[in-house]
Structure formats: C-alpha cells, structure tokens
Amino acid sequence: MAYTTIKKPTDYLNTKLYTGTGSSQGITGVGFQPDFVWVKDRSSAGEHSLFDAVRGVNERLRSNSDGAETTAANSLTAFDSDGFTVVSHGDVNTNSTTYASWNWKAGTTGSGTTTGSGTGKAYSYSVNTTAGFSITTYKGNATVGHQIPHSLGVAPSMFIIKNMDGTNSWYVYHKDASYSGSNPYSTEMYLDTTDRAYSSGTWNNVAPTSTTFQVSGASSINGDDVDYICYAFAEKVGFSKCGKYTGNGNTDGTFVYTGFKPAFILIKRTDTTKNWFLHDNKRNGYNPQNNYVNPNLSDAENSYTEFDILSNGFKIRSSGTGHNQSGGTYIYYTVAAEPLVGDNPATSR
C-alpha cells in the first residue's frame, strides 16, 4: 500500500475556482502562498495563463502558445498569503466569467551557476522537496551537455521547459514517454501542441539525475544567454505519481492505480498526435462527470461524463481516442486529494 507523510495534500497543490469581477480581487482559500499559478477561463475560449514567483508578478506564459513571456499588465499582481490577486486582464478576471486555477507551493529559494559542458550560467530556483516540485529559471549556453540543476534532491519524473525570450514550443520530459521504441530521455513532447518526437539530442540521451538534467545546444532549450523556465516534478509515494497506461477501447475502460484519490490529473497520448487533457476534482467533483480543459488549446472547458476519480486511482469510462483508444499508450501526472498516510489511510468513497 502506498503511504506518504503528507497528510494534507492541499498544503502543496490546490485547485481554486472563482468568478471574475473585472476589477481587482483577491482570490483566497488556496491555503498557502502559491509560487506557481495556472489559470484558465472555463466558460469561454481564453488562453491559459501561467505565473510563478521566480519570474515575478504580471509575467505571463501561455501553455497553449509557443509565444515568449509577456508582461501582462493587470493580470496576476500579487502572490498572497492565502492565494493571489488579479485585476482586469481578460484571461484571468473578466466580469462574470468562471475560472479554474491550479496552485503549487514551492518556497525555498536560491541561485547558483550551472555546470556541465560550456560556460556556466546563472540560475535561480524555488523548490519544495517534500512535495517534489521546483521552479527554475536558467540561461542557456548553446553547448551540448549543459547541466541544469532542478534542486529536487531526487531525479524528476517529469519536467517542462519554455524559452521565455522566443517563439519555441514547451518541451516536456516524462519518465514513461516513448516514441518509436526510444527511451524516455530520447523522447520529447510539446505542451502547446499534440505532437511528440524522437530526438537523441534534446536531453543529450542521458537520464536526469538527483541533481541535474542535461540539454542539447538547441535554441529551443539552450540558446546562448537565452532565458528559460523549467517546472520539475518528482514522484512522492502516496502523494504524486507519473506513469503510463494502455487503453482498451471499451466503455468499461482502463483503471489506473495511483495509491491515492487524485485531485489533479494530466494525461497525454504518446503513440499518436492527440491533445493534452487536464482533469481535477473540483470543477464537477462527482463521478462519472469530471470535466477537462486542454492545456494546448484555448477552448472553453469541455464536459466529459465518463471519467471516475476513485479512492485509489482513476478509471476511464469512455472508448474515446484521447483517453482510451484500444492499444493506445498514455502518460499521466497526478497529485493526491486524499493520500494514504501511515497512520490514517484513506478509505473508499
């Protein structure tokens, strides 16, 4: 049985729903001061907005776009002790529009110089090793074998990188991704598109270690003096899990054991081009209706009525190709709502 020392997962990742007002409002009830905030308009088309404390307020990236970082005035203007403040930007606070926000806690900050091949470059970070999450900004050096610290203390199971200065896709590493028989550290995916590819050079064909991951000299992830952001995630038994499953093409679909009741589930099919899917336990909160948004699209929230969130995992109840094509290969990242802890294991609901 999967146990964790984290008794309250919402101390580290919490989904917060809110309604826009069109004027400054503090979004409270997160339960901590977030260091990474991802916001999406639910009721209409609107771009995903990603903010973090390392880059600073109003500095916005969009998961559905390859565009560079922009300073979005009147978007997220503060990381508060129990949430965050938004003002009047349409993608985060339009009057009467409903929003979902996914909030992560990091918090321990630092800086240093990268290692490996080429000239060492500056990096800064915020990390929470208990929850296995870090935010790192770094400058590239255009040299194969540049080693980027992630500060997690264990090898990350997934990380996501974006060139903040230019128009490059979001590059995704996942420990269980495989393309055309390649190993995970020769496979790249893109958060802003449906695609995935084999490239022995992207991660220098080297698995990430407990301290760093390696990159090629490509401008998309390591251009000289170009600025990058990396969000890295390490598995924590009973709290978070990265894995894969195979679809069965049946409405009595695949069950995926996680060892906890999930609160946040990110899914991507890897054997063909399909959208990313993001589910959580708040937007509907009952089975089998657990709606989704697509991180690579600006579309409004979609109704999905055949997806169960269970006490020890999740179960697909659809034959749709995005979640459960017969023989299809899918990767996921999920975080607990109700973990199995050593002295208080969650029970079936």
Protein backbone atom coordinates (compact mmCIF):
# COMPACT_ATOMS: atom_id res chain seq x y z
CA MET A 1 0.00 0.00 0.00
CA ALA A 2 1.30 3.47 -0.93
CA TYR A 3 1.84 5.67 2.11
CA THR A 4 3.01 9.26 2.41
CA THR A 5 3.97 11.58 5.25
CA ILE A 6 1.91 14.37 3.62
CA LYS A 7 -1.41 14.32 5.45
CA LYS A 8 -2.93 17.35 3.72
CA PRO A 9 -2.11 17.49 0.00
CA THR A 10 -3.89 20.84 -0.37
CA ASP A 11 -0.98 22.36 1.56
CA TYR A 12 1.09 21.83 -1.61
CA LEU A 13 -1.28 21.79 -4.59
CA ASN A 14 -4.81 23.14 -4.53
CA THR A 15 -7.40 23.80 -7.22
CA LYS A 16 -9.29 27.03 -6.63
CA LEU A 17 -12.37 28.04 -8.65
CA TYR A 18 -13.52 31.65 -8.86
CA THR A 19 -15.70 34.07 -10.81
CA GLY A 20 -14.27 37.18 -12.43
CA THR A 21 -15.31 40.69 -11.43
CA GLY A 22 -13.46 42.82 -13.99
CA SER A 23 -11.76 44.74 -11.19
CA SER A 24 -9.12 43.96 -8.60
CA GLN A 25 -9.95 41.00 -6.38
CA GLY A 26 -8.02 38.73 -4.08
CA ILE A 27 -8.57 35.05 -4.75
CA THR A 28 -8.46 33.43 -1.31
CA GLY A 29 -8.93 29.93 0.05
CA VAL A 30 -5.86 28.42 -1.60
CA GLY A 31 -4.48 27.63 1.85
CA PHE A 32 -0.93 28.84 1.23
CA GLN A 33 1.04 31.45 -0.68
CA PRO A 34 1.36 29.91 -4.15
CA ASP A 35 4.61 30.02 -6.08
CA PHE A 36 3.14 28.72 -9.36
CA VAL A 37 -0.36 29.68 -10.50
CA TRP A 38 -2.00 28.31 -13.67
CA VAL A 39 -5.32 29.98 -14.61
CA LYS A 40 -7.86 29.03 -17.30
CA ASP A 41 -11.17 30.60 -18.33
CA ARG A 42 -13.74 27.80 -18.03
CA SER A 43 -16.84 29.32 -19.59
CA SER A 44 -15.41 30.64 -22.86
CA ALA A 45 -12.35 30.49 -25.08
CA GLY A 46 -9.34 32.12 -23.48
CA GLU A 47 -5.65 31.44 -23.21
CA HIS A 48 -4.06 29.55 -20.34
CA SER A 49 -2.10 31.93 -18.10
CA LEU A 50 0.92 30.66 -16.15
CA PHE A 51 2.63 32.76 -13.48
CA ASP A 52 5.32 31.99 -10.92
CA ALA A 53 7.12 33.75 -8.11
CA VAL A 54 10.59 33.25 -9.59
CA ARG A 55 9.75 35.28 -12.71
CA GLY A 56 7.51 37.71 -10.79
CA VAL A 57 4.01 39.15 -10.95
CA ASN A 58 2.37 40.03 -14.28
CA GLU A 59 4.98 37.91 -16.11
CA ARG A 60 2.78 35.59 -18.15
CA LEU A 61 3.36 32.46 -20.20
CA ARG A 62 0.67 30.54 -22.09
CA SER A 63 0.67 26.74 -22.24
CA ASN A 64 -1.38 26.80 -25.47
CA SER A 65 1.12 29.04 -27.26
CA ASP A 66 4.78 28.93 -28.29
CA GLY A 67 4.95 32.68 -27.67
CA ALA A 68 7.54 34.36 -25.48
CA GLU A 69 6.88 35.60 -21.98
CA THR A 70 4.91 38.84 -21.87
CA THR A 71 4.34 41.40 -19.17
CA ALA A 72 0.55 41.28 -18.92
CA ALA A 73 -0.44 44.42 -17.02
CA ASN A 74 -3.32 43.96 -14.59
CA SER A 75 -3.17 40.17 -14.72
CA LEU A 76 -1.76 38.48 -11.59
CA THR A 77 -0.40 41.32 -9.50
CA ALA A 78 0.43 39.58 -6.19
CA PHE A 79 1.12 36.18 -4.65
CA ASP A 80 -0.77 36.48 -1.37
CA SER A 81 -0.59 34.51 1.88
CA ASP A 82 -3.81 32.60 1.05
CA GLY A 83 -3.96 32.94 -2.74
CA PHE A 84 -3.30 35.63 -5.32
CA THR A 85 -4.63 38.94 -6.67
CA VAL A 86 -5.92 39.53 -10.20
CA VAL A 87 -7.07 42.82 -11.69
CA SER A 88 -8.72 43.32 -15.09
CA HIS A 89 -6.90 41.19 -17.68
CA GLY A 90 -9.49 39.31 -19.71
CA ASP A 91 -7.88 35.87 -19.39
CA VAL A 92 -7.85 35.96 -15.59
CA ASN A 93 -10.67 38.28 -14.42
CA THR A 94 -13.44 39.12 -16.90
CA ASN A 95 -16.67 40.05 -15.15
CA SER A 96 -18.99 37.05 -14.58
CA THR A 97 -16.59 34.61 -16.27
CA THR A 98 -15.77 31.43 -14.37
CA TYR A 99 -12.13 30.38 -13.89
CA ALA A 100 -10.13 27.46 -12.59
CA SER A 101 -6.72 27.96 -11.01
CA TRP A 102 -4.20 25.29 -10.09
CA ASN A 103 -1.79 26.42 -7.39
CA TRP A 104 1.55 24.86 -6.35
CA LYS A 105 3.71 25.63 -3.33
CA ALA A 106 7.49 25.74 -3.71
CA GLY A 107 9.04 28.31 -1.39
CA THR A 108 12.71 27.53 -0.64
CA THR A 109 14.68 29.86 -2.89
CA GLY A 110 18.26 30.07 -4.06
CA SER A 111 20.56 30.70 -7.00
CA GLY A 112 23.82 29.48 -8.47
CA THR A 113 25.76 28.65 -11.62
CA THR A 114 25.01 25.78 -13.98
CA THR A 115 27.53 23.01 -14.62
CA GLY A 116 28.48 20.54 -17.35
CA SER A 117 29.79 21.44 -20.80
CA GLY A 118 30.36 25.02 -21.84
CA THR A 119 30.27 28.21 -19.83
CA GLY A 120 28.45 28.09 -16.50
CA LYS A 121 25.38 30.32 -16.45
CA ALA A 122 23.20 31.83 -13.75
CA TYR A 123 20.10 30.05 -12.46
CA SER A 124 17.54 30.81 -9.75
CA TYR A 125 15.03 28.48 -8.16
CA SER A 126 12.19 27.91 -5.75
CA VAL A 127 11.67 24.34 -4.54
CA ASN A 128 9.61 22.19 -2.22
CA THR A 129 11.38 18.87 -1.78
CA THR A 130 8.59 17.46 0.41
CA ALA A 131 6.07 17.74 -2.42
CA GLY A 132 8.61 17.15 -5.22
CA PHE A 133 8.12 20.40 -7.13
CA SER A 134 10.57 23.06 -8.29
CA ILE A 135 10.67 26.17 -10.46
CA THR A 136 14.00 27.04 -12.09
CA THR A 137 14.99 29.86 -14.41
CA TYR A 138 18.30 29.48 -16.22
CA LYS A 139 20.33 30.98 -19.04
CA GLY A 140 21.43 28.75 -21.88
CA ASN A 141 24.98 28.37 -23.14
CA ALA A 142 24.41 26.72 -26.56
CA THR A 143 26.61 23.75 -25.64
CA VAL A 144 25.62 20.07 -25.76
CA GLY A 145 25.79 18.59 -22.25
CA HIS A 146 24.87 21.75 -20.38
CA GLN A 147 23.65 20.54 -16.96
CA ILE A 148 20.68 22.33 -15.39
CA PRO A 149 20.09 21.95 -11.62
CA HIS A 150 16.50 21.15 -10.59
CA SER A 151 17.05 21.21 -6.77
CA LEU A 152 14.63 18.32 -6.04
CA GLY A 153 17.18 16.02 -4.43
CA VAL A 154 15.84 13.07 -6.45
CA ALA A 155 15.56 12.57 -10.20
CA PRO A 156 12.48 14.30 -11.63
CA SER A 157 9.84 12.12 -13.26
CA MET A 158 8.62 14.98 -15.44
CA PHE A 159 9.79 18.46 -16.33
CA ILE A 160 8.55 21.18 -18.67
CA ILE A 161 10.79 23.83 -20.26
CA LYS A 162 9.91 27.04 -22.10
CA ASN A 163 12.11 29.57 -23.89
CA MET A 164 10.94 32.81 -22.28
CA ASP A 165 12.60 35.05 -24.89
CA GLY A 166 11.40 33.49 -28.14
CA THR A 167 8.77 31.53 -30.02
CA ASN A 168 9.59 27.92 -29.21
CA SER A 169 7.32 25.13 -28.04
CA TRP A 170 7.13 23.96 -24.44
CA TYR A 171 9.42 20.90 -24.22
CA VAL A 172 8.24 18.08 -21.94
CA TYR A 173 10.21 15.19 -20.47
CA HIS A 174 8.28 12.30 -18.86
CA LYS A 175 9.91 9.18 -17.47
CA ASP A 176 7.43 6.86 -19.22
CA ALA A 177 7.21 8.59 -22.58
CA SER A 178 8.47 6.58 -25.52
CA TYR A 179 8.36 7.26 -29.23
CA SER A 180 9.20 4.70 -31.94
CA GLY A 181 10.81 2.41 -29.36
CA SER A 182 13.10 5.09 -27.99
CA ASN A 183 13.90 5.51 -24.31
CA PRO A 184 12.23 8.34 -22.33
CA TYR A 185 15.31 10.56 -22.37
CA SER A 186 15.33 10.41 -26.16
CA THR A 187 11.67 11.43 -26.39
CA GLU A 188 10.31 14.94 -26.32
CA MET A 189 6.72 16.14 -26.17
CA TYR A 190 5.32 19.61 -26.53
CA LEU A 191 2.78 21.05 -24.10
CA ASP A 192 1.43 23.56 -26.62
CA THR A 193 0.80 21.02 -29.43
CA THR A 194 -0.44 17.46 -29.94
CA ASP A 195 2.91 16.22 -31.23
CA ARG A 196 5.77 14.17 -29.80
CA ALA A 197 9.10 13.20 -31.32
CA TYR A 198 12.26 11.17 -31.03
CA SER A 199 15.44 13.20 -30.65
CA SER A 200 18.56 11.69 -29.13
CA GLY A 201 19.98 15.17 -28.66
CA THR A 202 17.28 17.03 -26.75
CA TRP A 203 18.18 15.62 -23.33
CA ASN A 204 21.66 14.59 -24.56
CA ASN A 205 20.39 10.97 -24.43
CA VAL A 206 21.10 10.99 -20.69
CA ALA A 207 18.62 10.31 -17.89
CA PRO A 208 18.14 13.10 -15.34
CA THR A 209 19.96 12.61 -12.04
CA SER A 210 19.14 13.59 -8.47
CA THR A 211 20.77 16.99 -9.09
CA THR A 212 20.59 17.92 -12.80
CA PHE A 213 19.25 17.16 -16.26
CA GLN A 214 21.16 17.68 -19.49
CA VAL A 215 20.19 19.57 -22.64
CA SER A 216 21.42 19.92 -26.19
CA GLY A 217 22.68 23.15 -27.73
CA ALA A 218 19.36 23.89 -29.46
CA SER A 219 17.93 27.38 -29.10
CA SER A 220 14.59 25.91 -28.01
CA ILE A 221 16.09 24.78 -24.69
CA ASN A 222 19.69 26.06 -24.53
CA GLY A 223 20.45 29.09 -26.70
CA ASP A 224 23.37 31.21 -25.59
CA ASP A 225 22.25 33.70 -22.92
CA VAL A 226 18.61 32.94 -23.68
CA ASP A 227 16.28 32.80 -20.65
CA TYR A 228 14.34 29.60 -19.84
CA ILE A 229 11.86 28.40 -17.24
CA CYS A 230 11.66 24.81 -16.02
CA TYR A 231 8.88 23.30 -13.90
CA ALA A 232 10.07 19.96 -12.50
CA PHE A 233 8.10 17.24 -10.72
CA ALA A 234 9.35 14.27 -8.70
CA GLU A 235 7.13 11.39 -7.63
CA LYS A 236 6.32 11.16 -3.93
CA VAL A 237 4.82 7.84 -2.88
CA GLY A 238 1.18 8.25 -1.87
CA PHE A 239 1.12 11.92 -2.90
CA SER A 240 2.06 12.19 -6.60
CA LYS A 241 2.66 9.78 -9.43
CA CYS A 242 3.87 9.80 -13.02
CA GLY A 243 3.00 6.72 -15.02
CA LYS A 244 1.54 5.23 -18.16
CA TYR A 245 -1.36 3.00 -19.17
CA THR A 246 -2.69 1.23 -22.24
CA GLY A 247 -6.20 1.90 -23.48
CA ASN A 248 -8.71 -0.89 -24.04
CA GLY A 249 -11.21 0.89 -26.29
CA ASN A 250 -14.09 -0.07 -24.01
CA THR A 251 -16.61 2.00 -22.07
CA ASP A 252 -15.61 -0.18 -19.11
CA GLY A 253 -12.23 1.40 -19.53
CA THR A 254 -8.78 1.11 -18.09
CA PHE A 255 -8.34 1.52 -14.33
CA VAL A 256 -5.14 3.30 -13.30
CA TYR A 257 -3.91 2.64 -9.77
CA THR A 258 -2.19 5.62 -8.15
CA GLY A 259 -2.33 4.72 -4.46
CA PHE A 260 -4.44 7.76 -3.58
CA LYS A 261 -7.57 9.65 -4.57
CA PRO A 262 -6.45 12.09 -7.30
CA ALA A 263 -7.07 15.83 -7.18
CA PHE A 264 -5.20 16.76 -10.38
CA ILE A 265 -4.69 14.56 -13.45
CA LEU A 266 -2.75 15.49 -16.61
CA ILE A 267 -2.97 12.96 -19.49
CA LYS A 268 -1.34 12.73 -22.94
CA ARG A 269 -1.45 10.02 -25.58
CA THR A 270 2.08 9.32 -26.82
CA ASP A 271 1.75 6.85 -29.70
CA THR A 272 -0.04 9.36 -31.94
CA THR A 273 -0.92 13.06 -32.04
CA LYS A 274 -3.63 13.86 -29.50
CA ASN A 275 -4.44 16.75 -27.20
CA TRP A 276 -3.37 17.03 -23.59
CA PHE A 277 -6.18 16.66 -21.03
CA LEU A 278 -6.33 18.24 -17.58
CA HIS A 279 -8.88 17.00 -15.02
CA ASP A 280 -9.35 17.89 -11.36
CA ASN A 281 -11.69 17.02 -8.51
CA LYS A 282 -13.22 20.48 -8.08
CA ARG A 283 -14.91 21.57 -11.31
CA ASN A 284 -17.62 18.91 -11.06
CA GLY A 285 -16.39 16.77 -8.23
CA TYR A 286 -18.59 13.76 -8.83
CA ASN A 287 -18.45 10.64 -10.98
CA PRO A 288 -18.66 10.00 -13.82
CA GLN A 289 -18.76 13.69 -14.78
CA ASN A 290 -15.29 15.15 -14.44
CA ASN A 291 -14.78 17.93 -16.97
CA TYR A 292 -11.49 18.78 -18.67
CA VAL A 293 -9.56 21.55 -20.33
CA ASN A 294 -6.86 21.04 -22.95
CA PRO A 295 -3.57 22.73 -21.94
CA ASN A 296 -2.61 23.03 -25.64
CA LEU A 297 -5.87 24.75 -26.64
CA SER A 298 -7.64 27.97 -25.72
CA ASP A 299 -11.06 26.24 -25.87
CA ALA A 300 -13.57 26.55 -23.06
CA GLU A 301 -13.96 23.73 -20.56
CA ASN A 302 -15.42 20.56 -22.04
CA SER A 303 -17.93 18.21 -20.50
CA TYR A 304 -16.65 14.68 -20.10
CA THR A 305 -19.12 12.38 -18.43
CA GLU A 306 -17.22 9.10 -18.39
CA PHE A 307 -14.23 9.56 -16.10
CA ASP A 308 -14.20 8.32 -12.49
CA ILE A 309 -11.95 9.68 -9.76
CA LEU A 310 -11.67 6.90 -7.17
CA SER A 311 -10.14 6.48 -3.71
CA ASN A 312 -7.05 4.75 -5.13
CA GLY A 313 -6.80 5.95 -8.74
CA PHE A 314 -8.90 6.82 -11.75
CA LYS A 315 -10.93 4.82 -14.26
CA ILE A 316 -11.76 5.70 -17.85
CA ARG A 317 -15.37 5.07 -18.83
CA SER A 318 -15.19 6.00 -22.49
CA SER A 319 -13.77 4.50 -25.67
CA GLY A 320 -12.62 7.92 -26.89
CA THR A 321 -9.21 8.09 -28.54
CA GLY A 322 -7.97 10.93 -26.30
CA HIS A 323 -8.18 8.75 -23.17
CA ASN A 324 -8.79 5.11 -24.10
CA GLN A 325 -8.08 4.01 -27.67
CA SER A 326 -7.61 0.24 -27.81
CA GLY A 327 -3.86 -0.36 -27.66
CA GLY A 328 -3.16 3.37 -27.28
CA THR A 329 -0.33 4.42 -24.97
CA TYR A 330 -0.93 7.24 -22.48
CA ILE A 331 1.23 9.01 -19.90
CA TYR A 332 -0.07 10.88 -16.88
CA TYR A 333 0.92 13.02 -13.92
CA THR A 334 -1.39 13.09 -10.92
CA VAL A 335 -1.44 14.55 -7.39
CA ALA A 336 -3.48 13.36 -4.41
CA ALA A 337 -6.66 14.77 -2.94
CA GLU A 338 -6.74 12.12 -0.23
CA PRO A 339 -3.46 10.29 0.25
CA LEU A 340 -2.78 7.06 2.03
CA VAL A 341 -0.82 8.15 5.10
CA GLY A 342 0.91 5.90 7.56
CA ASP A 343 -1.48 6.48 10.50
CA ASN A 344 -4.63 7.49 8.65
CA PRO A 345 -5.11 5.65 5.34
CA ALA A 346 -7.85 6.97 3.06
CA THR A 347 -10.81 4.67 2.67
CA SER A 348 -13.02 4.01 -0.32
CA ARG A 349 -15.70 6.54 -1.06
